[in-house]
Amino acid sequence: MKSKKEHDLKHINTERNFVNATIGRIFKPSVMYPKKDRSYQRKGWVPEVTKAEIYAELLLHIELMKEKFPGTDGRICRYCEKPWTYIRSGNKPGYRNIKKTNFSMDRFDTNITYKIGNIIFCCNGCNALKNGSTKEMWIKFLEIDKEINQTKEKA
C-alpha cells in the first residue's frame, strides 16, 4: 500500500495537477492576506482575475510559443525560452525540493497584482531571478548598459 506522500507526489507530478496547484496557490487566503505578526511582512496580492481567466491566458501563452517555436508543445518559459517541467519531489517530510525548470507564474510588474496583461508563464528559475525587481529597475539597468556601451565605443 502506498503512503499518502507517495500518492500525493504521483498526483501532483502530472501537468494538469501541477498547473492546478500552481494557479490555486495565488488564491489561498494565507497568500492573499499574510499574517502581520511575523518578523518580516510580505505583501498580499488579491488576484483581479478568476482561475478560468488564468487558464485562458495560459492557453494563449501556449499558442504564442507554438507559433514562435514550431514543433514544440508551447510549454516554454517566456523569459529564457526553455521548456518547463512539472516535477515535485522531496526526500524529507514537509520538505519540498523546487526544481528551477518547473512551471511558474510571475507578475510582470511587481507593483500590481495578478491581472490580465500582468501574468507571465515562466520557469521557477526565471521567476526567482526576477523576484522582487521592478520594471523601473530593469529600465534603469538597460539605460546603464547603453551608457557603458557608448563609453566603450568612444574609447
C-alpha atoms as a PDB file:
ATOM      1  CA  MET A   1       0.000   0.000   0.000  1.00  0.00           C
ATOM      2  CA  LYS A   2       1.323   3.437  -0.953  1.00  0.00           C
ATOM      3  CA  SER A   3       1.863   6.106   1.655  1.00  0.00           C
ATOM      4  CA  LYS A   4      -0.056   9.384   1.460  1.00  0.00           C
ATOM      5  CA  LYS A   5       3.129  11.195   0.437  1.00  0.00           C
ATOM      6  CA  GLU A   6       3.794   8.771  -2.441  1.00  0.00           C
ATOM      7  CA  HIS A   7       0.199   9.159  -3.592  1.00  0.00           C
ATOM      8  CA  ASP A   8       0.386  12.968  -3.373  1.00  0.00           C
ATOM      9  CA  LEU A   9       3.676  13.099  -5.310  1.00  0.00           C
ATOM     10  CA  LYS A  10       2.269  10.907  -8.078  1.00  0.00           C
ATOM     11  CA  HIS A  11      -0.887  13.032  -8.196  1.00  0.00           C
ATOM     12  CA  ILE A  12       0.891  16.396  -8.347  1.00  0.00           C
ATOM     13  CA  ASN A  13       3.543  15.224 -10.857  1.00  0.00           C
ATOM     14  CA  THR A  14       1.077  15.337 -13.728  1.00  0.00           C
ATOM     15  CA  GLU A  15       0.917  18.502 -15.814  1.00  0.00           C
ATOM     16  CA  ARG A  16      -2.764  19.150 -15.119  1.00  0.00           C
ATOM     17  CA  ASN A  17      -2.494  18.776 -11.360  1.00  0.00           C
ATOM     18  CA  PHE A  18       0.776  20.720 -11.123  1.00  0.00           C
ATOM     19  CA  VAL A  19      -0.733  23.663 -13.053  1.00  0.00           C
ATOM     20  CA  ASN A  20      -3.913  23.489 -10.937  1.00  0.00           C
ATOM     21  CA  ALA A  21      -1.826  23.605  -7.745  1.00  0.00           C
ATOM     22  CA  THR A  22       0.330  26.492  -9.015  1.00  0.00           C
ATOM     23  CA  ILE A  23      -2.646  28.589 -10.083  1.00  0.00           C
ATOM     24  CA  GLY A  24      -4.642  27.681  -6.974  1.00  0.00           C
ATOM     25  CA  ARG A  25      -1.787  28.811  -4.735  1.00  0.00           C
ATOM     26  CA  ILE A  26      -2.328  32.504  -5.535  1.00  0.00           C
ATOM     27  CA  PHE A  27      -5.944  32.230  -4.344  1.00  0.00           C
ATOM     28  CA  LYS A  28      -5.045  30.833  -0.909  1.00  0.00           C
ATOM     29  CA  PRO A  29      -6.140  33.159   1.921  1.00  0.00           C
ATOM     30  CA  SER A  30      -2.698  32.863   3.555  1.00  0.00           C
ATOM     31  CA  VAL A  31      -1.105  34.207   0.354  1.00  0.00           C
ATOM     32  CA  MET A  32      -3.647  36.966  -0.242  1.00  0.00           C
ATOM     33  CA  TYR A  33      -3.760  38.048   3.419  1.00  0.00           C
ATOM     34  CA  PRO A  34      -0.459  37.157   5.141  1.00  0.00           C
ATOM     35  CA  LYS A  35      -0.226  37.361   8.934  1.00  0.00           C
ATOM     36  CA  LYS A  36       1.004  40.697  10.219  1.00  0.00           C
ATOM     37  CA  ASP A  37       2.713  39.382  13.341  1.00  0.00           C
ATOM     38  CA  ARG A  38       5.741  37.917  11.528  1.00  0.00           C
ATOM     39  CA  SER A  39       9.246  39.368  11.773  1.00  0.00           C
ATOM     40  CA  TYR A  40       9.023  40.140   8.052  1.00  0.00           C
ATOM     41  CA  GLN A  41       5.988  41.452   6.233  1.00  0.00           C
ATOM     42  CA  ARG A  42       5.177  40.077   2.827  1.00  0.00           C
ATOM     43  CA  LYS A  43       2.666  41.975   0.725  1.00  0.00           C
ATOM     44  CA  GLY A  44      -0.510  40.065  -0.003  1.00  0.00           C
ATOM     45  CA  TRP A  45      -1.807  40.209  -3.560  1.00  0.00           C
ATOM     46  CA  VAL A  46      -5.512  39.634  -4.139  1.00  0.00           C
ATOM     47  CA  PRO A  47      -5.853  38.488  -7.771  1.00  0.00           C
ATOM     48  CA  GLU A  48      -8.042  40.597 -10.061  1.00  0.00           C
ATOM     49  CA  VAL A  49      -8.642  37.594 -12.320  1.00  0.00           C
ATOM     50  CA  THR A  50     -10.503  34.328 -11.981  1.00  0.00           C
ATOM     51  CA  LYS A  51      -8.940  30.903 -12.319  1.00  0.00           C
ATOM     52  CA  ALA A  52     -10.775  30.498 -15.634  1.00  0.00           C
ATOM     53  CA  GLU A  53      -9.189  33.715 -16.955  1.00  0.00           C
ATOM     54  CA  ILE A  54      -5.736  32.494 -15.915  1.00  0.00           C
ATOM     55  CA  TYR A  55      -6.293  29.184 -17.737  1.00  0.00           C
ATOM     56  CA  ALA A  56      -7.379  31.139 -20.830  1.00  0.00           C
ATOM     57  CA  GLU A  57      -4.193  33.235 -20.606  1.00  0.00           C
ATOM     58  CA  LEU A  58      -2.138  30.041 -20.265  1.00  0.00           C
ATOM     59  CA  LEU A  59      -3.713  28.621 -23.426  1.00  0.00           C
ATOM     60  CA  LEU A  60      -2.909  31.879 -25.266  1.00  0.00           C
ATOM     61  CA  HIS A  61       0.690  31.645 -23.998  1.00  0.00           C
ATOM     62  CA  ILE A  62       0.988  28.057 -25.242  1.00  0.00           C
ATOM     63  CA  GLU A  63      -0.362  29.042 -28.682  1.00  0.00           C
ATOM     64  CA  LEU A  64       2.054  32.011 -28.859  1.00  0.00           C
ATOM     65  CA  MET A  65       5.013  29.778 -28.009  1.00  0.00           C
ATOM     66  CA  LYS A  66       3.918  27.155 -30.564  1.00  0.00           C
ATOM     67  CA  GLU A  67       3.897  29.873 -33.236  1.00  0.00           C
ATOM     68  CA  LYS A  68       7.256  31.217 -32.098  1.00  0.00           C
ATOM     69  CA  PHE A  69       8.819  27.749 -31.798  1.00  0.00           C
ATOM     70  CA  PRO A  70       7.199  25.423 -34.364  1.00  0.00           C
ATOM     71  CA  GLY A  71       7.434  21.732 -33.493  1.00  0.00           C
ATOM     72  CA  THR A  72       7.201  22.347 -29.730  1.00  0.00           C
ATOM     73  CA  ASP A  73       4.269  21.805 -27.401  1.00  0.00           C
ATOM     74  CA  GLY A  74       4.325  25.515 -26.451  1.00  0.00           C
ATOM     75  CA  ARG A  75       5.047  24.836 -22.784  1.00  0.00           C
ATOM     76  CA  ILE A  76       8.016  27.172 -22.788  1.00  0.00           C
ATOM     77  CA  CYS A  77       9.255  29.841 -20.367  1.00  0.00           C
ATOM     78  CA  ARG A  78       8.525  33.344 -21.655  1.00  0.00           C
ATOM     79  CA  TYR A  79      11.830  34.662 -20.289  1.00  0.00           C
ATOM     80  CA  CYS A  80      14.518  32.034 -21.078  1.00  0.00           C
ATOM     81  CA  GLU A  81      12.518  30.255 -23.821  1.00  0.00           C
ATOM     82  CA  LYS A  82      13.312  26.785 -22.460  1.00  0.00           C
ATOM     83  CA  PRO A  83      10.695  24.083 -21.778  1.00  0.00           C
ATOM     84  CA  TRP A  84       9.267  23.967 -18.264  1.00  0.00           C
ATOM     85  CA  THR A  85       8.637  20.813 -16.231  1.00  0.00           C
ATOM     86  CA  TYR A  86       6.148  19.577 -13.640  1.00  0.00           C
ATOM     87  CA  ILE A  87       8.334  17.707 -11.141  1.00  0.00           C
ATOM     88  CA  ARG A  88       7.555  17.794  -7.471  1.00  0.00           C
ATOM     89  CA  SER A  89       9.671  15.765  -5.125  1.00  0.00           C
ATOM     90  CA  GLY A  90      11.022  15.830  -1.639  1.00  0.00           C
ATOM     91  CA  ASN A  91      13.010  13.383   0.390  1.00  0.00           C
ATOM     92  CA  LYS A  92      12.088  14.663   3.853  1.00  0.00           C
ATOM     93  CA  PRO A  93       8.618  15.031   5.340  1.00  0.00           C
ATOM     94  CA  GLY A  94       7.424  18.599   4.963  1.00  0.00           C
ATOM     95  CA  TYR A  95      10.311  19.468   2.637  1.00  0.00           C
ATOM     96  CA  ARG A  96       9.712  20.392  -0.957  1.00  0.00           C
ATOM     97  CA  ASN A  97      12.536  20.473  -3.472  1.00  0.00           C
ATOM     98  CA  ILE A  98      11.590  23.131  -6.016  1.00  0.00           C
ATOM     99  CA  LYS A  99      13.019  22.477  -9.473  1.00  0.00           C
ATOM    100  CA  LYS A 100      14.301  25.507 -11.386  1.00  0.00           C
ATOM    101  CA  THR A 101      12.754  24.167 -14.588  1.00  0.00           C
ATOM    102  CA  ASN A 102       9.243  23.793 -13.142  1.00  0.00           C
ATOM    103  CA  PHE A 103       6.214  25.751 -14.349  1.00  0.00           C
ATOM    104  CA  SER A 104       5.587  29.024 -12.526  1.00  0.00           C
ATOM    105  CA  MET A 105       3.526  32.205 -12.816  1.00  0.00           C
ATOM    106  CA  ASP A 106       5.025  35.652 -12.472  1.00  0.00           C
ATOM    107  CA  ARG A 107       3.619  39.156 -12.141  1.00  0.00           C
ATOM    108  CA  PHE A 108       5.482  41.090 -14.835  1.00  0.00           C
ATOM    109  CA  ASP A 109       5.013  44.372 -12.982  1.00  0.00           C
ATOM    110  CA  THR A 110       5.704  43.510  -9.354  1.00  0.00           C
ATOM    111  CA  ASN A 111       3.913  46.636  -8.168  1.00  0.00           C
ATOM    112  CA  ILE A 112       0.494  45.324  -9.205  1.00  0.00           C
ATOM    113  CA  THR A 113      -1.434  42.125  -8.597  1.00  0.00           C
ATOM    114  CA  TYR A 114      -2.274  39.195 -10.847  1.00  0.00           C
ATOM    115  CA  LYS A 115      -4.498  40.510 -13.630  1.00  0.00           C
ATOM    116  CA  ILE A 116      -4.873  40.192 -17.386  1.00  0.00           C
ATOM    117  CA  GLY A 117      -1.788  41.674 -19.030  1.00  0.00           C
ATOM    118  CA  ASN A 118       0.418  41.248 -15.951  1.00  0.00           C
ATOM    119  CA  ILE A 119       0.703  37.441 -15.842  1.00  0.00           C
ATOM    120  CA  ILE A 120       3.764  35.762 -17.334  1.00  0.00           C
ATOM    121  CA  PHE A 121       4.126  31.978 -17.523  1.00  0.00           C
ATOM    122  CA  CYS A 122       7.711  31.004 -16.925  1.00  0.00           C
ATOM    123  CA  CYS A 123      10.006  28.552 -15.152  1.00  0.00           C
ATOM    124  CA  ASN A 124      10.782  28.760 -11.427  1.00  0.00           C
ATOM    125  CA  GLY A 125      14.400  29.717 -12.129  1.00  0.00           C
ATOM    126  CA  CYS A 126      13.487  32.819 -14.125  1.00  0.00           C
ATOM    127  CA  ASN A 127      10.755  33.738 -11.650  1.00  0.00           C
ATOM    128  CA  ALA A 128      13.273  33.521  -8.799  1.00  0.00           C
ATOM    129  CA  LEU A 129      15.812  35.643 -10.718  1.00  0.00           C
ATOM    130  CA  LYS A 130      13.254  38.348 -11.383  1.00  0.00           C
ATOM    131  CA  ASN A 131      11.668  38.031  -7.911  1.00  0.00           C
ATOM    132  CA  GLY A 132      11.322  41.482  -6.346  1.00  0.00           C
ATOM    133  CA  SER A 133      12.756  43.585  -9.146  1.00  0.00           C
ATOM    134  CA  THR A 134      10.541  46.167 -10.766  1.00  0.00           C
ATOM    135  CA  LYS A 135      10.114  47.219 -14.373  1.00  0.00           C
ATOM    136  CA  GLU A 136      11.642  50.588 -13.465  1.00  0.00           C
ATOM    137  CA  MET A 137      14.764  48.823 -12.161  1.00  0.00           C
ATOM    138  CA  TRP A 138      15.181  46.905 -15.436  1.00  0.00           C
ATOM    139  CA  ILE A 139      14.694  50.081 -17.478  1.00  0.00           C
ATOM    140  CA  LYS A 140      17.454  51.682 -15.396  1.00  0.00           C
ATOM    141  CA  PHE A 141      19.687  48.608 -15.933  1.00  0.00           C
ATOM    142  CA  LEU A 142      19.179  48.929 -19.698  1.00  0.00           C
ATOM    143  CA  GLU A 143      19.975  52.659 -19.587  1.00  0.00           C
ATOM    144  CA  ILE A 144      23.213  51.922 -17.713  1.00  0.00           C
ATOM    145  CA  ASP A 145      24.087  49.179 -20.214  1.00  0.00           C
ATOM    146  CA  LYS A 146      23.549  51.638 -23.067  1.00  0.00           C
ATOM    147  CA  GLU A 147      25.777  54.252 -21.344  1.00  0.00           C
ATOM    148  CA  ILE A 148      28.525  51.673 -20.784  1.00  0.00           C
ATOM    149  CA  ASN A 149      28.396  50.566 -24.435  1.00  0.00           C
ATOM    150  CA  GLN A 150      28.530  54.197 -25.643  1.00  0.00           C
ATOM    151  CA  THR A 151      31.572  54.824 -23.416  1.00  0.00           C
ATOM    152  CA  LYS A 152      33.308  51.732 -24.863  1.00  0.00           C
ATOM    153  CA  GLU A 153      32.616  52.894 -28.438  1.00  0.00           C
ATOM    154  CA  LYS A 154      34.185  56.306 -27.727  1.00  0.00           C
ATOM    155  CA  ALA A 155      37.333  54.754 -26.257  1.00  0.00           C
END
